[in-house]
C-alpha atoms as a PDB file:
ATOM      1  CA  MET A   1      56.933 203.458  77.247  1.00  0.00           C
ATOM      2  CA  ASP A   2      55.122 202.665  80.484  1.00  0.00           C
ATOM      3  CA  ILE A   3      56.527 203.211  83.941  1.00  0.00           C
ATOM      4  CA  GLU A   4      56.563 199.512  84.870  1.00  0.00           C
ATOM      5  CA  ALA A   5      58.558 198.544  81.776  1.00  0.00           C
ATOM      6  CA  ILE A   6      61.088 201.317  82.323  1.00  0.00           C
ATOM      7  CA  SER A   7      61.496 200.465  86.012  1.00  0.00           C
ATOM      8  CA  GLY A   8      61.941 196.757  85.335  1.00  0.00           C
ATOM      9  CA  ALA A   9      64.454 197.282  82.535  1.00  0.00           C
ATOM     10  CA  ALA A  10      66.400 199.826  84.592  1.00  0.00           C
ATOM     11  CA  THR A  11      66.524 197.457  87.569  1.00  0.00           C
ATOM     12  CA  VAL A  12      67.986 194.627  85.500  1.00  0.00           C
ATOM     13  CA  ALA A  13      70.477 196.953  83.764  1.00  0.00           C
ATOM     14  CA  VAL A  14      71.655 198.680  86.950  1.00  0.00           C
ATOM     15  CA  ALA A  15      72.074 195.415  88.847  1.00  0.00           C
ATOM     16  CA  SER A  16      74.074 193.934  85.978  1.00  0.00           C
ATOM     17  CA  ALA A  17      76.267 197.036  85.651  1.00  0.00           C
ATOM     18  CA  ILE A  18      77.042 196.974  89.391  1.00  0.00           C
ATOM     19  CA  VAL A  19      77.924 193.268  89.236  1.00  0.00           C
ATOM     20  CA  PHE A  20      80.159 193.985  86.236  1.00  0.00           C
ATOM     21  CA  ILE A  21      82.055 196.749  88.088  1.00  0.00           C
ATOM     22  CA  LEU A  22      82.515 194.588  91.195  1.00  0.00           C
ATOM     23  CA  ALA A  23      83.734 191.679  89.071  1.00  0.00           C
ATOM     24  CA  ALA A  24      86.184 193.902  87.185  1.00  0.00           C
ATOM     25  CA  ARG A  25      87.595 195.398  90.402  1.00  0.00           C
ATOM     26  CA  SER A  26      87.886 191.932  91.974  1.00  0.00           C
ATOM     27  CA  PHE A  27      89.682 190.641  88.902  1.00  0.00           C
ATOM     28  CA  GLN A  28      92.129 193.552  89.047  1.00  0.00           C
ATOM     29  CA  ILE A  29      92.920 192.826  92.702  1.00  0.00           C
ATOM     30  CA  LEU A  30      93.337 189.127  91.911  1.00  0.00           C
ATOM     31  CA  VAL A  31      95.735 189.849  89.054  1.00  0.00           C
ATOM     32  CA  ARG A  32      97.824 192.143  91.277  1.00  0.00           C
ATOM     33  CA  THR A  33      97.908 189.541  94.046  1.00  0.00           C
ATOM     34  CA  LEU A  34      98.713 186.498  91.927  1.00  0.00           C
ATOM     35  CA  GLY A  35     100.719 188.201  89.188  1.00  0.00           C
ATOM     36  CA  PRO A  36     104.465 187.563  89.046  1.00  0.00           C
ATOM     37  CA  GLY A  37     106.715 190.102  90.713  1.00  0.00           C
ATOM     38  CA  HIS A  38     109.718 191.771  89.139  1.00  0.00           C
ATOM     39  CA  ARG A  39     112.265 189.135  88.155  1.00  0.00           C
ATOM     40  CA  PHE A  40     115.323 191.340  88.604  1.00  0.00           C
ATOM     41  CA  ALA A  41     114.091 193.924  91.104  1.00  0.00           C
ATOM     42  CA  ALA A  42     117.563 194.340  92.634  1.00  0.00           C
ATOM     43  CA  SER A  43     118.945 195.489  89.277  1.00  0.00           C
ATOM     44  CA  ILE A  44     116.014 197.509  87.872  1.00  0.00           C
ATOM     45  CA  MET A  45     115.822 201.202  88.739  1.00  0.00           C
ATOM     46  CA  ARG A  46     112.747 203.381  88.779  1.00  0.00           C
ATOM     47  CA  GLU A  47     112.255 205.223  85.503  1.00  0.00           C
ATOM     48  CA  ALA A  48     111.306 208.838  84.935  1.00  0.00           C
ATOM     49  CA  ALA A  49     107.676 209.475  85.937  1.00  0.00           C
ATOM     50  CA  GLN A  50     107.384 205.957  87.369  1.00  0.00           C
ATOM     51  CA  HIS A  51     104.663 206.830  89.894  1.00  0.00           C
ATOM     52  CA  TYR A  52     102.761 208.810  87.252  1.00  0.00           C
ATOM     53  CA  ARG A  53     102.934 205.812  84.919  1.00  0.00           C
ATOM     54  CA  ASP A  54     101.524 203.563  87.639  1.00  0.00           C
ATOM     55  CA  GLU A  55      98.750 206.015  88.492  1.00  0.00           C
ATOM     56  CA  PHE A  56      97.947 206.499  84.803  1.00  0.00           C
ATOM     57  CA  ASP A  57      97.540 202.729  84.337  1.00  0.00           C
ATOM     58  CA  GLN A  58      95.140 202.552  87.285  1.00  0.00           C
ATOM     59  CA  LEU A  59      93.087 205.480  86.012  1.00  0.00           C
ATOM     60  CA  ARG A  60      92.917 204.008  82.521  1.00  0.00           C
ATOM     61  CA  PHE A  61      91.617 200.734  83.940  1.00  0.00           C
ATOM     62  CA  ARG A  62      89.041 202.588  86.040  1.00  0.00           C
ATOM     63  CA  GLN A  63      87.952 204.651  83.055  1.00  0.00           C
ATOM     64  CA  SER A  64      87.622 201.547  80.888  1.00  0.00           C
ATOM     65  CA  THR A  65      85.615 199.828  83.622  1.00  0.00           C
ATOM     66  CA  TYR A  66      83.134 202.717  83.913  1.00  0.00           C
ATOM     67  CA  LEU A  67      82.715 202.984  80.140  1.00  0.00           C
ATOM     68  CA  SER A  68      82.215 199.232  79.815  1.00  0.00           C
ATOM     69  CA  ALA A  69      79.676 199.273  82.648  1.00  0.00           C
ATOM     70  CA  GLY A  70      77.798 202.034  80.831  1.00  0.00           C
ATOM     71  CA  LEU A  71      77.720 199.921  77.681  1.00  0.00           C
ATOM     72  CA  VAL A  72      76.479 196.929  79.695  1.00  0.00           C
ATOM     73  CA  PHE A  73      73.732 199.110  81.169  1.00  0.00           C
ATOM     74  CA  VAL A  74      72.541 200.329  77.736  1.00  0.00           C
ATOM     75  CA  ILE A  75      72.561 196.877  76.149  1.00  0.00           C
ATOM     76  CA  LEU A  76      70.759 195.168  79.028  1.00  0.00           C
ATOM     77  CA  PHE A  77      68.258 198.001  79.437  1.00  0.00           C
ATOM     78  CA  VAL A  78      67.169 197.634  75.819  1.00  0.00           C
ATOM     79  CA  ALA A  79      67.115 193.834  76.053  1.00  0.00           C
ATOM     80  CA  ALA A  80      65.177 193.811  79.326  1.00  0.00           C
ATOM     81  CA  TYR A  81      62.652 196.315  78.011  1.00  0.00           C
ATOM     82  CA  GLU A  82      62.050 194.242  74.901  1.00  0.00           C
ATOM     83  CA  LEU A  83      61.686 191.114  77.054  1.00  0.00           C
ATOM     84  CA  ASN A  84      58.964 192.779  79.146  1.00  0.00           C
ATOM     85  CA  ALA A  85      60.907 193.155  82.380  1.00  0.00           C
ATOM     86  CA  GLY A  86      58.106 195.432  83.580  1.00  0.00           C
ATOM     87  CA  ARG A  87      56.447 192.344  85.052  1.00  0.00           C
ATOM     88  CA  LEU A  88      58.811 192.777  88.010  1.00  0.00           C
ATOM     89  CA  PHE A  89      56.862 195.861  89.109  1.00  0.00           C
ATOM     90  CA  LEU A  90      53.277 194.978  88.259  1.00  0.00           C
ATOM     91  CA  GLY A  91      50.916 196.159  90.970  1.00  0.00           C
ATOM     92  CA  TYR A  92      53.329 198.651  92.565  1.00  0.00           C
ATOM     93  CA  PRO A  93      51.909 202.144  93.289  1.00  0.00           C
ATOM     94  CA  LEU A  94      53.019 204.794  90.803  1.00  0.00           C
ATOM     95  CA  TRP A  95      54.609 206.965  93.489  1.00  0.00           C
ATOM     96  CA  GLN A  96      56.942 204.089  94.432  1.00  0.00           C
ATOM     97  CA  LEU A  97      57.924 203.562  90.806  1.00  0.00           C
ATOM     98  CA  TYR A  98      58.645 207.271  90.306  1.00  0.00           C
ATOM     99  CA  LEU A  99      60.642 207.344  93.543  1.00  0.00           C
ATOM    100  CA  PHE A 100      62.609 204.320  92.410  1.00  0.00           C
ATOM    101  CA  LEU A 101      63.327 205.893  89.016  1.00  0.00           C
ATOM    102  CA  SER A 102      64.412 209.122  90.711  1.00  0.00           C
ATOM    103  CA  VAL A 103      66.958 207.182  92.753  1.00  0.00           C
ATOM    104  CA  LEU A 104      68.216 205.487  89.579  1.00  0.00           C
ATOM    105  CA  VAL A 105      68.550 208.831  87.801  1.00  0.00           C
ATOM    106  CA  ILE A 106      70.508 210.281  90.731  1.00  0.00           C
ATOM    107  CA  GLY A 107      72.741 207.212  90.685  1.00  0.00           C
ATOM    108  CA  ALA A 108      73.284 207.596  86.942  1.00  0.00           C
ATOM    109  CA  ILE A 109      74.225 211.265  87.358  1.00  0.00           C
ATOM    110  CA  TYR A 110      76.692 210.332  90.110  1.00  0.00           C
ATOM    111  CA  ALA A 111      78.206 207.594  87.932  1.00  0.00           C
ATOM    112  CA  ALA A 112      78.583 210.069  85.048  1.00  0.00           C
ATOM    113  CA  TYR A 113      80.236 212.531  87.440  1.00  0.00           C
ATOM    114  CA  ARG A 114      82.707 209.885  88.611  1.00  0.00           C
ATOM    115  CA  LEU A 115      83.470 208.985  85.016  1.00  0.00           C
ATOM    116  CA  LEU A 116      84.042 212.641  84.120  1.00  0.00           C
ATOM    117  CA  ARG A 117      86.381 213.086  87.079  1.00  0.00           C
ATOM    118  CA  THR A 118      88.289 209.979  86.051  1.00  0.00           C
ATOM    119  CA  VAL A 119      88.633 211.242  82.469  1.00  0.00           C
ATOM    120  CA  VAL A 120      89.907 214.642  83.671  1.00  0.00           C
ATOM    121  CA  ALA A 121      92.330 213.011  86.127  1.00  0.00           C
ATOM    122  CA  THR A 122      93.595 210.671  83.409  1.00  0.00           C
ATOM    123  CA  ARG A 123      94.327 213.585  81.073  1.00  0.00           C
ATOM    124  CA  GLN A 124      96.142 215.481  83.826  1.00  0.00           C
ATOM    125  CA  ILE A 125      98.240 212.488  84.844  1.00  0.00           C
ATOM    126  CA  LYS A 126      99.107 211.872  81.185  1.00  0.00           C
ATOM    127  CA  LEU A 127     100.352 215.458  80.925  1.00  0.00           C
ATOM    128  CA  LEU A 128     102.441 215.073  84.097  1.00  0.00           C
ATOM    129  CA  CYS A 129     103.790 211.752  82.862  1.00  0.00           C
ATOM    130  CA  ASP A 130     104.794 213.082  79.439  1.00  0.00           C
ATOM    131  CA  ALA A 131     106.397 216.205  80.916  1.00  0.00           C
ATOM    132  CA  ASN A 132     108.459 214.158  83.383  1.00  0.00           C
ATOM    133  CA  ILE A 133     109.533 211.694  80.703  1.00  0.00           C
ATOM    134  CA  ALA A 134     110.619 214.550  78.413  1.00  0.00           C
ATOM    135  CA  VAL A 135     112.744 216.101  81.175  1.00  0.00           C
ATOM    136  CA  GLY A 136     114.076 212.719  82.321  1.00  0.00           C
ATOM    137  CA  HIS A 137     115.221 211.792  78.822  1.00  0.00           C
ATOM    138  CA  GLN A 138     116.987 215.119  78.382  1.00  0.00           C
ATOM    139  CA  LEU A 139     118.776 214.597  81.702  1.00  0.00           C
ATOM    140  CA  GLN A 140     119.948 211.154  80.605  1.00  0.00           C
ATOM    141  CA  ARG A 141     121.350 212.611  77.381  1.00  0.00           C
ATOM    142  CA  PHE A 142     123.787 215.092  78.903  1.00  0.00           C
ATOM    143  CA  SER A 143     124.318 213.941  82.496  1.00  0.00           C
ATOM    144  CA  ALA A 144     126.645 210.999  81.826  1.00  0.00           C
ATOM    145  CA  ASP A 145     129.755 213.180  82.072  1.00  0.00           C
ATOM    146  CA  ILE A 146     128.695 215.117  85.180  1.00  0.00           C
ATOM    147  CA  GLY A 147     126.933 212.593  87.419  1.00  0.00           C
ATOM    148  CA  ARG A 148     124.053 210.157  87.802  1.00  0.00           C
ATOM    149  CA  VAL A 149     120.335 210.800  87.558  1.00  0.00           C
ATOM    150  CA  PHE A 150     117.720 209.229  89.831  1.00  0.00           C
ATOM    151  CA  HIS A 151     113.956 209.500  89.468  1.00  0.00           C
ATOM    152  CA  ASP A 152     110.979 209.733  91.850  1.00  0.00           C
ATOM    153  CA  ILE A 153     112.883 210.393  95.070  1.00  0.00           C
ATOM    154  CA  ALA A 154     110.366 210.225  97.900  1.00  0.00           C
ATOM    155  CA  THR A 155     110.473 212.638 100.837  1.00  0.00           C
ATOM    156  CA  SER A 156     108.075 213.271 103.694  1.00  0.00           C
ATOM    157  CA  ALA A 157     106.842 216.345 101.784  1.00  0.00           C
ATOM    158  CA  GLY A 158     106.319 214.544  98.473  1.00  0.00           C
ATOM    159  CA  ALA A 159     108.418 213.144  95.649  1.00  0.00           C
ATOM    160  CA  VAL A 160     111.224 215.031  93.914  1.00  0.00           C
ATOM    161  CA  ASP A 161     110.927 214.209  90.231  1.00  0.00           C
ATOM    162  CA  HIS A 162     114.643 213.908  89.411  1.00  0.00           C
ATOM    163  CA  VAL A 163     117.894 214.196  91.356  1.00  0.00           C
ATOM    164  CA  LEU A 164     121.299 214.649  89.727  1.00  0.00           C
ATOM    165  CA  VAL A 165     124.342 213.709  91.823  1.00  0.00           C
ATOM    166  CA  GLY A 166     127.920 214.438  90.786  1.00  0.00           C
ATOM    167  CA  PRO A 167     131.163 216.110  91.860  1.00  0.00           C
ATOM    168  CA  GLY A 168     129.714 219.437  90.743  1.00  0.00           C
ATOM    169  CA  GLY A 169     126.942 219.134  93.320  1.00  0.00           C
ATOM    170  CA  LEU A 170     123.367 218.050  93.905  1.00  0.00           C
ATOM    171  CA  TYR A 171     120.463 219.169  91.750  1.00  0.00           C
ATOM    172  CA  ALA A 172     116.782 218.603  92.534  1.00  0.00           C
ATOM    173  CA  ILE A 173     114.807 218.899  89.294  1.00  0.00           C
ATOM    174  CA  ASN A 174     111.084 219.364  89.826  1.00  0.00           C
ATOM    175  CA  VAL A 175     108.746 219.386  86.828  1.00  0.00           C
ATOM    176  CA  ILE A 176     105.782 221.760  86.582  1.00  0.00           C
ATOM    177  CA  ALA A 177     103.441 220.506  83.867  1.00  0.00           C
ATOM    178  CA  ARG A 178     100.950 222.789  82.145  1.00  0.00           C
ATOM    179  CA  ARG A 179      99.490 222.327  78.694  1.00  0.00           C
ATOM    180  CA  PRO A 180     101.739 224.327  76.348  1.00  0.00           C
ATOM    181  CA  ARG A 181     100.329 227.442  74.698  1.00  0.00           C
ATOM    182  CA  LYS A 182     101.497 229.129  71.532  1.00  0.00           C
ATOM    183  CA  ASN A 183     103.945 231.891  72.507  1.00  0.00           C
ATOM    184  CA  GLY A 184     103.358 231.042  76.172  1.00  0.00           C
ATOM    185  CA  ASP A 185     105.913 232.474  78.610  1.00  0.00           C
ATOM    186  CA  VAL A 186     106.703 231.713  82.237  1.00  0.00           C
ATOM    187  CA  ARG A 187     108.652 233.661  84.815  1.00  0.00           C
ATOM    188  CA  LEU A 188     109.596 233.165  88.456  1.00  0.00           C
ATOM    189  CA  GLU A 189     108.477 235.645  91.113  1.00  0.00           C
ATOM    190  CA  LYS A 190     109.570 234.807  94.644  1.00  0.00           C
ATOM    191  CA  HIS A 191     107.456 231.784  95.651  1.00  0.00           C
ATOM    192  CA  ALA A 192     105.379 231.372  92.499  1.00  0.00           C
ATOM    193  CA  LEU A 193     105.601 230.756  88.788  1.00  0.00           C
ATOM    194  CA  VAL A 194     103.650 233.179  86.606  1.00  0.00           C
ATOM    195  CA  PHE A 195     102.358 231.921  83.250  1.00  0.00           C
ATOM    196  CA  LEU A 196     101.675 234.393  80.465  1.00  0.00           C
ATOM    197  CA  PRO A 197      99.371 235.357  78.938  1.00  0.00           C
ATOM    198  CA  GLY A 198      96.769 235.230  81.678  1.00  0.00           C
ATOM    199  CA  GLU A 199      98.949 235.851  84.751  1.00  0.00           C
ATOM    200  CA  THR A 200      98.181 232.357  86.083  1.00  0.00           C
ATOM    201  CA  ARG A 201     100.225 231.773  89.256  1.00  0.00           C
ATOM    202  CA  ILE A 202     101.405 228.429  90.614  1.00  0.00           C
ATOM    203  CA  SER A 203     102.980 228.279  94.066  1.00  0.00           C
ATOM    204  CA  ILE A 204     106.334 226.542  94.492  1.00  0.00           C
ATOM    205  CA  VAL A 205     106.162 226.435  98.295  1.00  0.00           C
ATOM    206  CA  ASP A 206     105.622 222.656  98.215  1.00  0.00           C
ATOM    207  CA  ILE A 207     108.665 222.271  95.950  1.00  0.00           C
ATOM    208  CA  ASN A 208     110.754 224.264  98.426  1.00  0.00           C
ATOM    209  CA  ALA A 209     109.563 221.939 101.191  1.00  0.00           C
ATOM    210  CA  ARG A 210     110.545 218.819  99.236  1.00  0.00           C
ATOM    211  CA  ASN A 211     113.969 220.231  98.453  1.00  0.00           C
ATOM    212  CA  SER A 212     114.480 221.173 102.100  1.00  0.00           C
ATOM    213  CA  ARG A 213     113.599 217.632 103.251  1.00  0.00           C
ATOM    214  CA  LEU A 214     115.985 216.208 100.679  1.00  0.00           C
ATOM    215  CA  GLU A 215     118.800 218.501 101.801  1.00  0.00           C
ATOM    216  CA  LYS A 216     118.290 217.587 105.456  1.00  0.00           C
ATOM    217  CA  ARG A 217     118.263 213.890 104.628  1.00  0.00           C
ATOM    218  CA  PHE A 218     121.518 214.070 102.669  1.00  0.00           C
ATOM    219  CA  THR A 219     123.110 216.196 105.386  1.00  0.00           C
ATOM    220  CA  ARG A 220     122.291 213.520 107.970  1.00  0.00           C
ATOM    221  CA  ALA A 221     123.607 210.775 105.702  1.00  0.00           C
ATOM    222  CA  LEU A 222     126.964 212.518 105.097  1.00  0.00           C
ATOM    223  CA  GLY A 223     127.417 214.038 108.523  1.00  0.00           C
ATOM    224  CA  HIS A 224     127.976 217.548 107.169  1.00  0.00           C
ATOM    225  CA  ARG A 225     125.860 220.163 105.432  1.00  0.00           C
ATOM    226  CA  VAL A 226     125.276 219.799 101.710  1.00  0.00           C
ATOM    227  CA  ARG A 227     123.498 222.133  99.335  1.00  0.00           C
ATOM    228  CA  VAL A 228     120.741 220.995  96.983  1.00  0.00           C
ATOM    229  CA  ARG A 229     120.288 223.318  94.019  1.00  0.00           C
ATOM    230  CA  SER A 230     116.694 223.699  92.875  1.00  0.00           C
ATOM    231  CA  VAL A 231     115.886 223.408  89.167  1.00  0.00           C
ATOM    232  CA  LEU A 232     112.334 224.129  87.990  1.00  0.00           C
ATOM    233  CA  ALA A 233     111.558 222.534  84.618  1.00  0.00           C
ATOM    234  CA  VAL A 234     108.510 223.757  82.688  1.00  0.00           C
ATOM    235  CA  PRO A 235     108.339 221.786  79.411  1.00  0.00           C
ATOM    236  CA  GLY A 236     106.777 223.484  76.408  1.00  0.00           C
ATOM    237  CA  TRP A 237     106.984 227.055  77.756  1.00  0.00           C
ATOM    238  CA  ASN A 238     109.357 229.903  76.949  1.00  0.00           C
ATOM    239  CA  ILE A 239     111.401 231.202  79.865  1.00  0.00           C
ATOM    240  CA  GLU A 240     110.752 234.926  80.104  1.00  0.00           C
ATOM    241  CA  ALA A 241     113.275 235.803  82.813  1.00  0.00           C
ATOM    242  CA  GLN A 242     115.696 234.155  85.246  1.00  0.00           C
ATOM    243  CA  ILE A 243     115.948 236.446  88.253  1.00  0.00           C
ATOM    244  CA  SER A 244     116.312 234.056  91.195  1.00  0.00           C
ATOM    245  CA  ASP A 245     119.502 232.864  92.887  1.00  0.00           C
ATOM    246  CA  GLU A 246     117.598 230.064  94.640  1.00  0.00           C
ATOM    247  CA  HIS A 247     116.083 228.385  91.585  1.00  0.00           C
ATOM    248  CA  LEU A 248     117.075 227.790  87.985  1.00  0.00           C
ATOM    249  CA  LEU A 249     114.057 228.057  85.671  1.00  0.00           C
ATOM    250  CA  VAL A 250     114.347 226.037  82.446  1.00  0.00           C
ATOM    251  CA  ASN A 251     112.319 224.124  79.879  1.00  0.00           C
ATOM    252  CA  GLU A 252     113.124 220.746  78.335  1.00  0.00           C
ATOM    253  CA  LYS A 253     115.278 222.329  75.598  1.00  0.00           C
ATOM    254  CA  ASN A 254     117.596 224.515  77.671  1.00  0.00           C
ATOM    255  CA  LEU A 255     117.833 222.109  80.603  1.00  0.00           C
ATOM    256  CA  PRO A 256     121.615 221.611  79.986  1.00  0.00           C
ATOM    257  CA  MET A 257     122.049 225.142  81.415  1.00  0.00           C
ATOM    258  CA  LEU A 258     122.248 223.551  84.858  1.00  0.00           C
ATOM    259  CA  ARG A 259     125.761 222.335  84.007  1.00  0.00           C
ATOM    260  CA  GLY A 260     126.934 225.926  84.274  1.00  0.00           C
ATOM    261  CA  TRP A 261     125.296 226.521  87.648  1.00  0.00           C
ATOM    262  CA  LYS A 262     128.227 225.795  89.924  1.00  0.00           C
ATOM    263  CA  ASP A 263     129.872 227.400  92.916  1.00  0.00           C
ATOM    264  CA  PRO A 264     132.373 226.109  95.501  1.00  0.00           C
ATOM    265  CA  ASP A 265     129.892 225.620  98.346  1.00  0.00           C
ATOM    266  CA  GLY A 266     128.000 223.040  96.287  1.00  0.00           C
ATOM    267  CA  TYR A 267     130.894 220.814  95.257  1.00  0.00           C
ATOM    268  CA  LEU A 268     131.071 217.255  96.605  1.00  0.00           C
ATOM    269  CA  MET A 269     134.018 215.032  97.456  1.00  0.00           C
ATOM    270  CA  ASN A 270     134.253 211.731  95.605  1.00  0.00           C
ATOM    271  CA  GLU A 271     133.412 209.802  98.770  1.00  0.00           C
ATOM    272  CA  ASP A 272     130.312 211.956  99.256  1.00  0.00           C
ATOM    273  CA  VAL A 273     129.224 211.266  95.687  1.00  0.00           C
ATOM    274  CA  ASP A 274     129.716 207.533  96.221  1.00  0.00           C
ATOM    275  CA  ALA A 275     127.763 207.581  99.501  1.00  0.00           C
ATOM    276  CA  LEU A 276     124.806 209.493  98.027  1.00  0.00           C
ATOM    277  CA  THR A 277     124.831 207.383  94.871  1.00  0.00           C
ATOM    278  CA  GLY A 278     124.650 204.238  96.987  1.00  0.00           C
ATOM    279  CA  LEU A 279     121.836 205.701  99.111  1.00  0.00           C
ATOM    280  CA  LEU A 280     119.749 206.706  96.108  1.00  0.00           C
ATOM    281  CA  THR A 281     120.450 203.472  94.264  1.00  0.00           C
ATOM    282  CA  SER A 282     119.110 201.511  97.220  1.00  0.00           C
ATOM    283  CA  GLN A 283     115.999 203.701  97.401  1.00  0.00           C
ATOM    284  CA  CYS A 284     115.249 203.714  93.673  1.00  0.00           C
ATOM    285  CA  ARG A 285     115.341 199.982  93.042  1.00  0.00           C
ATOM    286  CA  LEU A 286     112.032 199.030  91.500  1.00  0.00           C
ATOM    287  CA  GLY A 287     109.327 198.261  94.014  1.00  0.00           C
ATOM    288  CA  LYS A 288     111.046 200.063  96.892  1.00  0.00           C
ATOM    289  CA  VAL A 289     110.390 203.677  97.849  1.00  0.00           C
ATOM    290  CA  ASP A 290     111.697 205.007 101.152  1.00  0.00           C
ATOM    291  CA  SER A 291     110.222 208.054 102.814  1.00  0.00           C
END
């Protein structure tokens, strides 16, 4: 291979790959703009892990776009080289050609890095999505006789994954998703979850903030203080110990334990349940998320 042929083929392939990515992104925007909206948005509620589903779809499209652009680059590089695209750079000094190729190599490394980040992000979002769906489905199974479940409740500190409202009280169920390990245990220590083996710690300070915002919002809506009980769901992990009065630590299998977590200061009057149910129903209609 000579430097002119490589430079010419790379130029054609890179330009085509960039045009392909721009066209794919433009087509995605066009589809979102012109696509039909939800036909019955007033009657459709947000499902478990709705925002993770949406983000997963976007990441999958981005990943597919990058992989397709890479395939376009390879095919057109080979074709351009065979068709003697080196004529584009005949007469150029060698130092310019090497500089040009260096820039292309750096660009290729950056593109591979972006693709790798997208792949990693896609896998993580898929884990979060599956964990939230697993917990959401379990909640739907046993909650019919104790209240109503709402998903993806936005607050100024972030979204609470699930909220259960009933006469027995309010429960904020936040999901912590980590890839399950054989004989993996988790325990709660003050403001962190500790995963064993390995002593990996995950802070729950942000979860406390979301629950606090939710409690303040409901208190303002009802005109009197209400208590939001915090449930931490860790699907796929064994619960080593439950030593906190502020949080209930469960997995997807023993989640029904929250039905037994009741005390008088958390009970709600029927009119309070109706008011909060109406508030959350309005917020959780598909396509509408209030902060």
